[in-house]
Amino acid sequence: MLIEPLSSQTLPALVTLVLALWPECSFEEEWENYQRLLTARDEICYLAKEGPEYIGFIHLTLRTDYVEGASHSPVAYVEGLYVRPEFQHQGIGRLLMRAGENWAREKNCLEVASDTELDNTESLVFHQKLGFEEANRIVCLIKRL
């Protein structure tokens, strides 16, 4: 298992994974959105690779505006986290989150935040297992670094 930052070579794989998470999006729009991350200073994507296949990703941003439950600024915010279904429950999401947390620490963050849909109990349980605490019933999550 390899966790690596986004590069121009891995951009097509990332966009494919993004569309698996958010199928209502278009390839062209997501390509454009994630291409700008190649030079961004306040955002990062990491991809998980098993053999020749990319099987998951995490996308984080630095937020300096209000983040539900946060008491410090900036806050690293998990904008997206996805692992292909056949690779879930194997610790890959945890490894991706660890890479994101390390990036957050490098950016002087003391907290990392996330959110999930109210009915996404699997995501809520995943976050709680990683140490996130529910911050509000709109299901905003926070984790101390």
N, C-alpha and C. Protein backbone atom coordinates (compact mmCIF):
# COMPACT_ATOMS: atom_id res chain seq x y z
N MET A 1 0.84 -1.18 0.00
CA MET A 1 0.00 0.00 0.00
C MET A 1 0.88 1.24 0.00
N LEU A 2 0.61 2.13 -0.92
CA LEU A 2 1.37 3.36 -1.05
C LEU A 2 0.40 4.54 -0.96
N ILE A 3 0.75 5.53 -0.18
CA ILE A 3 0.00 6.78 -0.11
C ILE A 3 0.89 7.85 -0.72
N GLU A 4 0.39 8.50 -1.77
CA GLU A 4 1.22 9.50 -2.46
C GLU A 4 0.42 10.76 -2.74
N PRO A 5 1.10 11.92 -2.78
CA PRO A 5 0.41 13.16 -3.09
C PRO A 5 0.01 13.21 -4.56
N LEU A 6 -0.99 14.01 -4.84
CA LEU A 6 -1.44 14.22 -6.21
C LEU A 6 -0.31 14.75 -7.08
N SER A 7 -0.24 14.25 -8.30
CA SER A 7 0.71 14.75 -9.29
C SER A 7 -0.02 14.81 -10.63
N SER A 8 0.62 15.41 -11.61
CA SER A 8 -0.02 15.48 -12.93
C SER A 8 -0.23 14.08 -13.51
N GLN A 9 0.61 13.12 -13.14
CA GLN A 9 0.46 11.75 -13.63
C GLN A 9 -0.72 11.03 -12.97
N THR A 10 -1.05 11.40 -11.73
CA THR A 10 -2.13 10.71 -11.03
C THR A 10 -3.46 11.44 -11.11
N LEU A 11 -3.48 12.60 -11.76
CA LEU A 11 -4.72 13.38 -11.89
C LEU A 11 -5.86 12.58 -12.53
N PRO A 12 -5.63 11.85 -13.62
CA PRO A 12 -6.75 11.07 -14.19
C PRO A 12 -7.31 10.04 -13.21
N ALA A 13 -6.46 9.39 -12.46
CA ALA A 13 -6.93 8.41 -11.47
C ALA A 13 -7.73 9.10 -10.37
N LEU A 14 -7.28 10.26 -9.92
CA LEU A 14 -8.01 10.99 -8.89
C LEU A 14 -9.40 11.36 -9.38
N VAL A 15 -9.49 11.92 -10.57
CA VAL A 15 -10.80 12.34 -11.08
C VAL A 15 -11.74 11.14 -11.22
N THR A 16 -11.23 10.01 -11.62
CA THR A 16 -12.04 8.78 -11.69
C THR A 16 -12.58 8.42 -10.31
N LEU A 17 -11.75 8.51 -9.28
CA LEU A 17 -12.18 8.22 -7.92
C LEU A 17 -13.19 9.25 -7.42
N VAL A 18 -12.96 10.51 -7.73
CA VAL A 18 -13.90 11.57 -7.35
C VAL A 18 -15.28 11.30 -7.94
N LEU A 19 -15.31 10.88 -9.19
CA LEU A 19 -16.60 10.60 -9.84
C LEU A 19 -17.28 9.36 -9.27
N ALA A 20 -16.50 8.45 -8.72
CA ALA A 20 -17.09 7.30 -8.04
C ALA A 20 -17.77 7.75 -6.74
N LEU A 21 -17.18 8.74 -6.06
CA LEU A 21 -17.77 9.28 -4.84
C LEU A 21 -18.95 10.19 -5.15
N TRP A 22 -18.80 11.04 -6.14
CA TRP A 22 -19.84 12.01 -6.51
C TRP A 22 -20.22 11.82 -7.98
N PRO A 23 -21.00 10.80 -8.30
CA PRO A 23 -21.31 10.49 -9.70
C PRO A 23 -22.12 11.56 -10.43
N GLU A 24 -22.72 12.47 -9.70
CA GLU A 24 -23.49 13.53 -10.34
C GLU A 24 -22.59 14.61 -10.95
N CYS A 25 -21.30 14.57 -10.67
CA CYS A 25 -20.36 15.55 -11.21
C CYS A 25 -19.90 15.14 -12.61
N SER A 26 -19.34 16.11 -13.32
CA SER A 26 -18.83 15.82 -14.66
C SER A 26 -17.31 15.69 -14.63
N PHE A 27 -16.78 14.85 -15.52
CA PHE A 27 -15.34 14.63 -15.59
C PHE A 27 -14.62 15.94 -15.87
N GLU A 28 -15.12 16.72 -16.82
CA GLU A 28 -14.45 17.96 -17.22
C GLU A 28 -14.38 18.95 -16.06
N GLU A 29 -15.50 19.09 -15.34
CA GLU A 29 -15.53 20.03 -14.22
C GLU A 29 -14.57 19.59 -13.11
N GLU A 30 -14.58 18.32 -12.79
CA GLU A 30 -13.70 17.83 -11.73
C GLU A 30 -12.23 17.86 -12.16
N TRP A 31 -11.97 17.59 -13.42
CA TRP A 31 -10.60 17.69 -13.93
C TRP A 31 -10.06 19.11 -13.69
N GLU A 32 -10.88 20.09 -14.05
CA GLU A 32 -10.49 21.48 -13.87
C GLU A 32 -10.31 21.81 -12.38
N ASN A 33 -11.24 21.37 -11.55
CA ASN A 33 -11.17 21.63 -10.11
C ASN A 33 -9.89 21.06 -9.50
N TYR A 34 -9.60 19.82 -9.83
CA TYR A 34 -8.46 19.16 -9.19
C TYR A 34 -7.13 19.49 -9.85
N GLN A 35 -7.15 19.92 -11.09
CA GLN A 35 -5.91 20.33 -11.74
C GLN A 35 -5.29 21.52 -11.01
N ARG A 36 -6.14 22.42 -10.51
CA ARG A 36 -5.60 23.59 -9.80
C ARG A 36 -4.92 23.20 -8.49
N LEU A 37 -5.24 22.03 -7.96
CA LEU A 37 -4.60 21.57 -6.72
C LEU A 37 -3.11 21.28 -6.92
N LEU A 38 -2.71 21.05 -8.15
CA LEU A 38 -1.31 20.74 -8.42
C LEU A 38 -0.38 21.86 -7.96
N THR A 39 -0.90 23.10 -7.92
CA THR A 39 -0.07 24.24 -7.50
C THR A 39 -0.62 24.94 -6.27
N ALA A 40 -1.67 24.40 -5.68
CA ALA A 40 -2.29 25.04 -4.51
C ALA A 40 -1.40 24.91 -3.28
N ARG A 41 -1.44 25.91 -2.43
CA ARG A 41 -0.67 25.89 -1.18
C ARG A 41 -1.55 25.57 0.01
N ASP A 42 -2.87 25.77 -0.15
CA ASP A 42 -3.78 25.59 0.97
C ASP A 42 -4.71 24.39 0.78
N GLU A 43 -4.36 23.50 -0.14
CA GLU A 43 -5.12 22.28 -0.39
C GLU A 43 -4.16 21.15 -0.73
N ILE A 44 -4.61 19.93 -0.48
CA ILE A 44 -3.78 18.77 -0.80
C ILE A 44 -4.69 17.58 -1.08
N CYS A 45 -4.24 16.72 -1.96
CA CYS A 45 -4.88 15.43 -2.18
C CYS A 45 -3.81 14.36 -2.07
N TYR A 46 -4.18 13.28 -1.42
CA TYR A 46 -3.35 12.08 -1.38
C TYR A 46 -4.15 10.94 -1.98
N LEU A 47 -3.44 10.06 -2.68
CA LEU A 47 -4.07 8.89 -3.27
C LEU A 47 -3.47 7.63 -2.66
N ALA A 48 -4.32 6.63 -2.52
CA ALA A 48 -3.88 5.31 -2.06
C ALA A 48 -3.73 4.41 -3.28
N LYS A 49 -2.61 3.69 -3.33
CA LYS A 49 -2.32 2.83 -4.47
C LYS A 49 -2.02 1.43 -3.98
N GLU A 50 -2.69 0.47 -4.57
CA GLU A 50 -2.46 -0.94 -4.27
C GLU A 50 -2.03 -1.59 -5.58
N GLY A 51 -0.78 -2.01 -5.65
CA GLY A 51 -0.26 -2.53 -6.91
C GLY A 51 -0.32 -1.42 -7.94
N PRO A 52 -0.85 -1.71 -9.14
CA PRO A 52 -0.92 -0.69 -10.17
C PRO A 52 -2.17 0.19 -10.09
N GLU A 53 -3.08 -0.10 -9.14
CA GLU A 53 -4.38 0.58 -9.08
C GLU A 53 -4.43 1.65 -8.00
N TYR A 54 -5.06 2.77 -8.34
CA TYR A 54 -5.39 3.78 -7.34
C TYR A 54 -6.77 3.45 -6.81
N ILE A 55 -6.86 3.35 -5.47
CA ILE A 55 -8.08 2.80 -4.89
C ILE A 55 -8.76 3.75 -3.90
N GLY A 56 -8.17 4.90 -3.64
CA GLY A 56 -8.79 5.84 -2.72
C GLY A 56 -8.08 7.17 -2.72
N PHE A 57 -8.73 8.16 -2.11
CA PHE A 57 -8.13 9.49 -2.01
C PHE A 57 -8.68 10.22 -0.80
N ILE A 58 -7.94 11.24 -0.40
CA ILE A 58 -8.39 12.22 0.58
C ILE A 58 -8.04 13.59 0.03
N HIS A 59 -8.95 14.54 0.18
CA HIS A 59 -8.74 15.92 -0.25
C HIS A 59 -8.98 16.80 0.97
N LEU A 60 -8.00 17.63 1.31
CA LEU A 60 -8.11 18.54 2.44
C LEU A 60 -7.83 19.97 2.00
N THR A 61 -8.49 20.90 2.69
CA THR A 61 -8.22 22.32 2.49
C THR A 61 -7.93 22.95 3.84
N LEU A 62 -7.29 24.10 3.80
CA LEU A 62 -7.13 24.92 5.00
C LEU A 62 -8.28 25.92 5.03
N ARG A 63 -9.02 25.92 6.11
CA ARG A 63 -10.11 26.88 6.26
C ARG A 63 -9.77 27.84 7.39
N THR A 64 -9.95 29.12 7.10
CA THR A 64 -9.72 30.15 8.11
C THR A 64 -11.02 30.81 8.51
N ASP A 65 -12.12 30.46 7.84
CA ASP A 65 -13.42 30.97 8.22
C ASP A 65 -14.00 30.08 9.32
N TYR A 66 -15.22 30.29 9.67
CA TYR A 66 -15.85 29.52 10.74
C TYR A 66 -15.95 28.05 10.36
N VAL A 67 -15.54 27.18 11.28
CA VAL A 67 -15.69 25.74 11.12
C VAL A 67 -16.40 25.24 12.37
N GLU A 68 -17.53 24.60 12.18
CA GLU A 68 -18.35 24.09 13.28
C GLU A 68 -17.51 23.26 14.25
N GLY A 69 -17.53 23.66 15.52
CA GLY A 69 -16.84 22.91 16.56
C GLY A 69 -15.38 23.24 16.75
N ALA A 70 -14.79 24.00 15.84
CA ALA A 70 -13.36 24.29 15.93
C ALA A 70 -13.10 25.46 16.89
N SER A 71 -11.95 25.40 17.54
CA SER A 71 -11.58 26.48 18.45
C SER A 71 -10.26 27.15 18.04
N HIS A 72 -9.68 26.71 16.93
CA HIS A 72 -8.44 27.29 16.43
C HIS A 72 -8.57 27.55 14.93
N SER A 73 -7.65 28.36 14.42
CA SER A 73 -7.61 28.64 12.99
C SER A 73 -6.15 28.70 12.57
N PRO A 74 -5.80 28.18 11.43
CA PRO A 74 -6.66 27.51 10.46
C PRO A 74 -7.03 26.10 10.90
N VAL A 75 -8.01 25.55 10.21
CA VAL A 75 -8.47 24.18 10.44
C VAL A 75 -8.29 23.41 9.13
N ALA A 76 -7.72 22.24 9.22
CA ALA A 76 -7.66 21.36 8.05
C ALA A 76 -9.04 20.73 7.90
N TYR A 77 -9.61 20.82 6.71
CA TYR A 77 -10.97 20.32 6.49
C TYR A 77 -10.95 19.22 5.44
N VAL A 78 -11.53 18.09 5.80
CA VAL A 78 -11.62 16.97 4.86
C VAL A 78 -12.77 17.26 3.91
N GLU A 79 -12.43 17.61 2.69
CA GLU A 79 -13.43 17.91 1.67
C GLU A 79 -13.97 16.64 1.03
N GLY A 80 -13.15 15.62 0.99
CA GLY A 80 -13.57 14.35 0.42
C GLY A 80 -12.63 13.25 0.85
N LEU A 81 -13.21 12.08 1.11
CA LEU A 81 -12.43 10.89 1.46
C LEU A 81 -13.19 9.70 0.87
N TYR A 82 -12.48 8.90 0.08
CA TYR A 82 -13.14 7.79 -0.61
C TYR A 82 -12.17 6.63 -0.77
N VAL A 83 -12.69 5.44 -0.53
CA VAL A 83 -11.97 4.20 -0.81
C VAL A 83 -12.94 3.32 -1.59
N ARG A 84 -12.46 2.76 -2.68
CA ARG A 84 -13.33 1.89 -3.48
C ARG A 84 -13.93 0.80 -2.60
N PRO A 85 -15.20 0.47 -2.80
CA PRO A 85 -15.91 -0.47 -1.91
C PRO A 85 -15.18 -1.78 -1.66
N GLU A 86 -14.57 -2.35 -2.67
CA GLU A 86 -13.91 -3.65 -2.49
C GLU A 86 -12.64 -3.56 -1.64
N PHE A 87 -12.19 -2.33 -1.35
CA PHE A 87 -11.00 -2.13 -0.52
C PHE A 87 -11.32 -1.51 0.84
N GLN A 88 -12.60 -1.29 1.12
CA GLN A 88 -12.99 -0.69 2.39
C GLN A 88 -12.80 -1.69 3.53
N HIS A 89 -12.74 -1.17 4.75
CA HIS A 89 -12.58 -1.96 5.98
C HIS A 89 -11.24 -2.70 6.03
N GLN A 90 -10.22 -2.08 5.42
CA GLN A 90 -8.87 -2.66 5.44
C GLN A 90 -7.85 -1.66 5.98
N GLY A 91 -8.31 -0.55 6.53
CA GLY A 91 -7.40 0.44 7.11
C GLY A 91 -6.89 1.49 6.14
N ILE A 92 -7.38 1.47 4.91
CA ILE A 92 -6.89 2.41 3.89
C ILE A 92 -7.37 3.83 4.20
N GLY A 93 -8.62 3.97 4.59
CA GLY A 93 -9.13 5.29 4.98
C GLY A 93 -8.35 5.87 6.14
N ARG A 94 -7.99 5.02 7.09
CA ARG A 94 -7.19 5.45 8.24
C ARG A 94 -5.82 5.95 7.77
N LEU A 95 -5.19 5.24 6.82
CA LEU A 95 -3.89 5.67 6.31
C LEU A 95 -4.00 7.00 5.56
N LEU A 96 -5.06 7.16 4.79
CA LEU A 96 -5.27 8.42 4.08
C LEU A 96 -5.46 9.56 5.08
N MET A 97 -6.27 9.31 6.12
CA MET A 97 -6.50 10.33 7.13
C MET A 97 -5.19 10.68 7.84
N ARG A 98 -4.37 9.69 8.13
CA ARG A 98 -3.08 9.95 8.78
C ARG A 98 -2.21 10.87 7.91
N ALA A 99 -2.18 10.61 6.61
CA ALA A 99 -1.42 11.48 5.71
C ALA A 99 -1.97 12.90 5.75
N GLY A 100 -3.30 13.02 5.76
CA GLY A 100 -3.92 14.34 5.85
C GLY A 100 -3.61 15.04 7.16
N GLU A 101 -3.62 14.30 8.25
CA GLU A 101 -3.30 14.88 9.55
C GLU A 101 -1.85 15.35 9.60
N ASN A 102 -0.95 14.60 9.01
CA ASN A 102 0.45 15.03 8.97
C ASN A 102 0.60 16.33 8.19
N TRP A 103 -0.11 16.44 7.07
CA TRP A 103 -0.10 17.67 6.28
C TRP A 103 -0.65 18.82 7.13
N ALA A 104 -1.75 18.56 7.86
CA ALA A 104 -2.36 19.58 8.70
C ALA A 104 -1.38 20.08 9.76
N ARG A 105 -0.65 19.19 10.36
CA ARG A 105 0.34 19.59 11.36
C ARG A 105 1.42 20.47 10.73
N GLU A 106 1.86 20.09 9.52
CA GLU A 106 2.86 20.90 8.81
C GLU A 106 2.35 22.30 8.53
N LYS A 107 1.03 22.44 8.42
CA LYS A 107 0.40 23.74 8.15
C LYS A 107 -0.02 24.44 9.45
N ASN A 108 0.49 23.94 10.58
CA ASN A 108 0.25 24.53 11.90
C ASN A 108 -1.21 24.46 12.34
N CYS A 109 -1.91 23.45 11.90
CA CYS A 109 -3.28 23.23 12.35
C CYS A 109 -3.27 22.45 13.66
N LEU A 110 -4.19 22.78 14.53
CA LEU A 110 -4.36 22.05 15.78
C LEU A 110 -5.59 21.15 15.73
N GLU A 111 -6.39 21.31 14.67
CA GLU A 111 -7.61 20.52 14.53
C GLU A 111 -7.82 20.16 13.05
N VAL A 112 -8.52 19.06 12.87
CA VAL A 112 -8.98 18.67 11.54
C VAL A 112 -10.48 18.44 11.66
N ALA A 113 -11.22 18.90 10.67
CA ALA A 113 -12.67 18.81 10.69
C ALA A 113 -13.16 18.08 9.45
N SER A 114 -14.38 17.61 9.53
CA SER A 114 -14.99 16.89 8.42
C SER A 114 -16.49 17.00 8.55
N ASP A 115 -17.21 16.47 7.60
CA ASP A 115 -18.66 16.39 7.70
C ASP A 115 -19.14 15.17 6.94
N THR A 116 -20.38 14.82 7.14
CA THR A 116 -20.99 13.71 6.44
C THR A 116 -22.49 13.94 6.39
N GLU A 117 -23.15 13.25 5.51
CA GLU A 117 -24.60 13.34 5.43
C GLU A 117 -25.21 12.72 6.68
N LEU A 118 -26.38 13.21 7.09
CA LEU A 118 -27.03 12.72 8.30
C LEU A 118 -27.29 11.22 8.28
N ASP A 119 -27.60 10.69 7.10
CA ASP A 119 -27.94 9.26 7.02
C ASP A 119 -26.75 8.37 6.67
N ASN A 120 -25.55 8.94 6.59
CA ASN A 120 -24.37 8.15 6.25
C ASN A 120 -23.74 7.62 7.55
N THR A 121 -24.41 6.64 8.13
CA THR A 121 -23.95 6.11 9.42
C THR A 121 -22.58 5.44 9.31
N GLU A 122 -22.28 4.83 8.18
CA GLU A 122 -20.97 4.19 8.02
C GLU A 122 -19.85 5.23 8.09
N SER A 123 -20.05 6.38 7.46
CA SER A 123 -19.05 7.45 7.53
C SER A 123 -18.95 8.00 8.94
N LEU A 124 -20.07 8.18 9.61
CA LEU A 124 -20.05 8.69 10.97
C LEU A 124 -19.28 7.75 11.89
N VAL A 125 -19.54 6.46 11.79
CA VAL A 125 -18.83 5.47 12.61
C VAL A 125 -17.34 5.50 12.29
N PHE A 126 -16.99 5.59 11.00
CA PHE A 126 -15.58 5.66 10.59
C PHE A 126 -14.90 6.85 11.25
N HIS A 127 -15.50 8.03 11.16
CA HIS A 127 -14.91 9.23 11.76
C HIS A 127 -14.74 9.06 13.27
N GLN A 128 -15.76 8.54 13.92
CA GLN A 128 -15.68 8.37 15.37
C GLN A 128 -14.58 7.39 15.77
N LYS A 129 -14.38 6.35 14.98
CA LYS A 129 -13.30 5.40 15.27
C LYS A 129 -11.93 6.07 15.17
N LEU A 130 -11.84 7.12 14.36
CA LEU A 130 -10.58 7.83 14.20
C LEU A 130 -10.40 8.95 15.23
N GLY A 131 -11.37 9.10 16.11
CA GLY A 131 -11.23 10.09 17.17
C GLY A 131 -12.00 11.38 16.96
N PHE A 132 -12.75 11.49 15.88
CA PHE A 132 -13.58 12.66 15.67
C PHE A 132 -14.74 12.63 16.65
N GLU A 133 -15.18 13.81 17.05
CA GLU A 133 -16.33 13.95 17.92
C GLU A 133 -17.39 14.75 17.17
N GLU A 134 -18.62 14.37 17.34
CA GLU A 134 -19.71 15.10 16.69
C GLU A 134 -19.78 16.50 17.27
N ALA A 135 -19.85 17.51 16.39
CA ALA A 135 -19.88 18.90 16.80
C ALA A 135 -21.28 19.50 16.70
N ASN A 136 -22.12 18.92 15.88
CA ASN A 136 -23.47 19.43 15.68
C ASN A 136 -24.28 18.38 14.95
N ARG A 137 -25.57 18.42 15.03
CA ARG A 137 -26.39 17.40 14.40
C ARG A 137 -26.44 17.54 12.89
N ILE A 138 -25.91 18.61 12.35
CA ILE A 138 -25.74 18.64 10.91
C ILE A 138 -24.56 17.76 10.52
N VAL A 139 -24.05 17.12 11.53
CA VAL A 139 -22.94 16.18 11.47
C VAL A 139 -21.68 16.81 10.91
N CYS A 140 -21.18 17.79 11.65
CA CYS A 140 -19.84 18.32 11.46
C CYS A 140 -18.97 17.64 12.49
N LEU A 141 -17.77 17.26 12.09
CA LEU A 141 -16.90 16.51 12.98
C LEU A 141 -15.60 17.25 13.20
N ILE A 142 -15.01 17.05 14.36
CA ILE A 142 -13.75 17.70 14.69
C ILE A 142 -12.83 16.69 15.37
N LYS A 143 -11.57 16.79 15.11
CA LYS A 143 -10.59 15.92 15.76
C LYS A 143 -9.41 16.77 16.19
N ARG A 144 -9.00 16.65 17.41
CA ARG A 144 -7.84 17.38 17.92
C ARG A 144 -6.57 16.75 17.38
N LEU A 145 -5.62 17.56 17.01
CA LEU A 145 -4.32 17.06 16.53
C LEU A 145 -3.30 17.19 17.65
